[in-house]
Protein backbone atom coordinates (compact mmCIF):
# COMPACT_ATOMS: atom_id res chain seq x y z
CA MET A 1 90.66 -217.10 45.04
CA CYS A 2 92.71 -215.76 47.87
CA ALA A 3 92.04 -213.48 50.88
CA LEU A 4 92.46 -208.98 50.43
CA ILE A 5 93.58 -207.44 53.54
CA ILE A 6 94.33 -203.53 53.52
CA ALA A 7 97.14 -203.08 55.92
CA ASP A 8 98.31 -199.65 57.40
CA SER A 9 102.14 -198.90 58.68
CA SER A 10 101.98 -200.77 61.87
CA VAL A 11 101.75 -204.41 60.01
CA PHE A 12 105.28 -203.62 58.31
CA ILE A 13 106.54 -202.45 61.83
CA TYR A 14 105.67 -204.94 63.91
CA GLY A 15 106.34 -207.48 61.23
CA LYS A 16 102.19 -209.29 61.50
CA THR A 17 102.05 -212.04 59.25
CA LEU A 18 98.70 -211.29 56.98
CA ALA A 19 97.00 -214.44 55.67
CA GLY A 20 95.69 -213.39 52.01
CA GLU A 21 97.06 -210.91 49.45
CA VAL A 22 98.35 -207.57 50.89
CA ILE A 23 97.19 -204.52 49.71
CA THR A 24 97.98 -200.55 50.54
CA VAL A 25 98.93 -197.15 49.84
CA PRO A 26 101.43 -195.45 47.90
CA GLY A 27 101.58 -193.12 51.44
CA VAL A 28 102.44 -196.57 53.53
CA GLU A 29 105.41 -197.08 52.23
CA ARG A 30 107.05 -193.72 52.79
CA GLU A 31 105.75 -194.07 56.54
CA LEU A 32 108.39 -196.77 57.51
CA LYS A 33 111.78 -194.80 58.53
CA ASP A 34 113.33 -197.87 59.83
CA ILE A 35 115.40 -200.66 57.38
CA ARG A 36 113.31 -203.44 59.36
CA SER A 37 109.65 -202.25 58.77
CA ARG A 38 111.00 -201.55 54.81
CA MET A 39 112.70 -204.86 54.31
CA ARG A 40 109.17 -206.36 55.39
CA PHE A 41 107.21 -204.55 53.23
CA GLN A 42 109.36 -205.55 50.48
CA ILE A 43 109.34 -209.37 51.44
CA ALA A 44 105.62 -208.84 51.86
CA GLU A 45 104.88 -208.13 47.97
CA VAL A 46 102.35 -205.73 48.59
CA ARG A 47 100.21 -204.44 46.05
CA ILE A 48 99.93 -200.86 45.95
CA GLU A 49 96.16 -199.22 45.00
CA ARG A 50 95.22 -195.65 45.18
CA PRO A 51 91.54 -195.12 46.40
CA SER A 52 89.02 -193.64 43.63
CA LYS A 53 87.80 -189.64 44.46
CA ASP A 54 83.97 -190.78 45.29
CA ALA A 55 85.28 -193.99 48.07
CA LEU A 56 88.18 -190.75 49.43
CA ASP A 57 85.36 -188.62 49.68
CA ARG A 58 83.13 -190.99 51.55
CA ALA A 59 86.19 -192.02 53.71
CA GLU A 60 86.54 -188.27 54.54
CA ARG A 61 82.91 -187.12 54.81
CA THR A 62 82.34 -190.10 57.63
CA ALA A 63 85.34 -188.99 59.21
CA ARG A 64 83.93 -185.66 59.52
CA GLU A 65 80.52 -186.36 61.03
CA ILE A 66 82.19 -188.67 63.79
CA GLY A 67 84.59 -186.33 64.44
CA ASP A 68 87.72 -188.02 63.88
CA LEU A 69 88.96 -186.48 60.55
CA SER A 70 91.24 -183.94 62.61
CA THR A 71 93.29 -187.50 63.95
CA LEU A 72 93.69 -188.92 60.27
CA SER A 73 96.22 -188.34 57.72
CA SER A 74 95.59 -188.36 53.89
CA VAL A 75 97.15 -191.85 53.93
CA ASP A 76 94.28 -192.90 56.70
CA LEU A 77 91.96 -191.73 54.76
CA GLU A 78 93.64 -193.57 51.35
CA LEU A 79 93.53 -196.75 53.37
CA LEU A 80 89.52 -196.41 54.15
CA ALA A 81 88.69 -195.73 50.82
CA VAL A 82 90.71 -198.76 49.51
CA ALA A 83 89.08 -200.99 51.98
CA LEU A 84 86.18 -199.48 50.76
CA GLU A 85 86.53 -199.93 47.34
CA LEU A 86 87.48 -203.70 47.23
CA GLU A 87 84.71 -204.46 50.54
CA VAL A 88 87.80 -206.07 52.50
CA PRO A 89 89.46 -206.12 56.03
CA LEU A 90 91.67 -203.22 57.54
CA ALA A 91 94.04 -204.10 59.68
CA THR A 92 95.42 -201.52 61.86
CA ASP A 93 96.06 -200.37 65.29
CA ASP A 94 95.15 -196.97 65.25
CA TYR A 95 91.68 -196.21 66.99
CA ALA A 96 90.47 -193.66 64.79
CA LEU A 97 91.09 -195.28 61.76
CA GLN A 98 89.43 -198.18 63.33
CA ASN A 99 86.37 -196.15 64.77
CA VAL A 100 86.06 -194.71 61.38
CA ALA A 101 86.39 -197.92 59.50
CA LEU A 102 83.64 -199.82 61.89
CA HIS A 103 81.21 -196.82 61.09
CA LEU A 104 81.73 -197.37 57.61
CA GLY A 105 80.64 -201.42 58.16
CA LEU A 106 84.35 -202.58 57.44
CA ARG A 107 85.78 -205.15 59.16
CA VAL A 108 89.18 -204.36 61.13
CA GLU A 109 92.04 -206.38 61.97
CA PRO A 110 94.22 -205.52 64.72
CA VAL A 111 97.80 -205.81 64.72
CA ALA A 112 99.72 -205.44 68.01
CA GLN A 113 97.57 -203.54 70.15
CA PRO A 114 93.27 -204.99 71.10
CA LEU A 115 90.48 -204.04 68.96
CA ILE A 116 88.66 -200.74 69.65
CA LYS A 117 85.68 -201.34 72.16
CA LYS A 118 83.02 -199.31 72.08
CA VAL A 119 82.86 -197.74 68.59
CA ILE A 120 82.39 -193.56 69.70
CA LYS A 121 81.21 -190.48 67.77
CA ARG A 122 82.98 -187.68 68.83
CA THR A 123 81.57 -183.47 68.77
CA GLN A 124 83.17 -180.46 69.90
CA ARG A 125 81.10 -178.10 71.72
CA CYS A 126 82.60 -174.63 72.67
CA VAL A 127 82.98 -174.08 76.45
CA GLY A 128 81.77 -170.69 76.33
CA CYS A 129 78.55 -170.52 74.38
CA GLY A 130 77.55 -174.56 73.67
CA GLN A 131 78.16 -174.44 70.04
CA SER A 132 79.00 -177.16 68.41
CA PHE A 133 81.25 -176.87 65.54
CA GLU A 134 84.18 -178.39 63.92
CA GLY A 135 87.87 -176.32 63.96
CA GLU A 136 90.22 -175.06 66.43
CA GLU A 137 88.23 -171.94 67.69
CA CYS A 138 84.44 -171.64 67.86
CA PRO A 139 82.87 -169.25 64.97
CA VAL A 140 80.74 -167.93 67.08
CA CYS A 141 82.67 -166.25 70.12
CA GLY A 142 86.57 -167.69 69.24
CA THR A 143 86.78 -170.27 72.38
CA PRO A 144 88.90 -172.97 71.91
CA ALA A 145 87.05 -176.07 71.00
CA ARG A 146 86.89 -178.87 73.63
CA ARG A 147 86.18 -182.65 72.17
CA ARG A 148 83.76 -184.90 73.51
CA ARG A 149 82.29 -188.53 73.15
CA GLU A 150 79.35 -189.17 71.76
CA ILE A 151 78.30 -192.87 72.23
């Protein structure tokens, strides 16, 4: 049986050759703007998958819990969801995507950058009243958010 791997756009941008059958989501092809990366995508004979709602909800929930949801695109969440469903590694250089993938127990294969060194959880804390929250400003006092890391 051939190994499977989920690829984000960096695989095609950098031209990384992956061992096994390459799978991605529809949005990755739309992210490829230059002719070289689009050609690499075509040559790789990539299988396109769409995630289930349950897997997408789990990826989004985990990203929210660890504070990376605001930095991930809908394509990133779909990549995570498909990797979860198929229980296969994810090839990406995106550090927020790597962080969420590792929190979900997925294997990550870096493309051109090193793998993240620490898995972290981010929180937003109001500098005015100290309240933890999600969003751009504190719902209690209206002060802009400041993100901080929890290791």
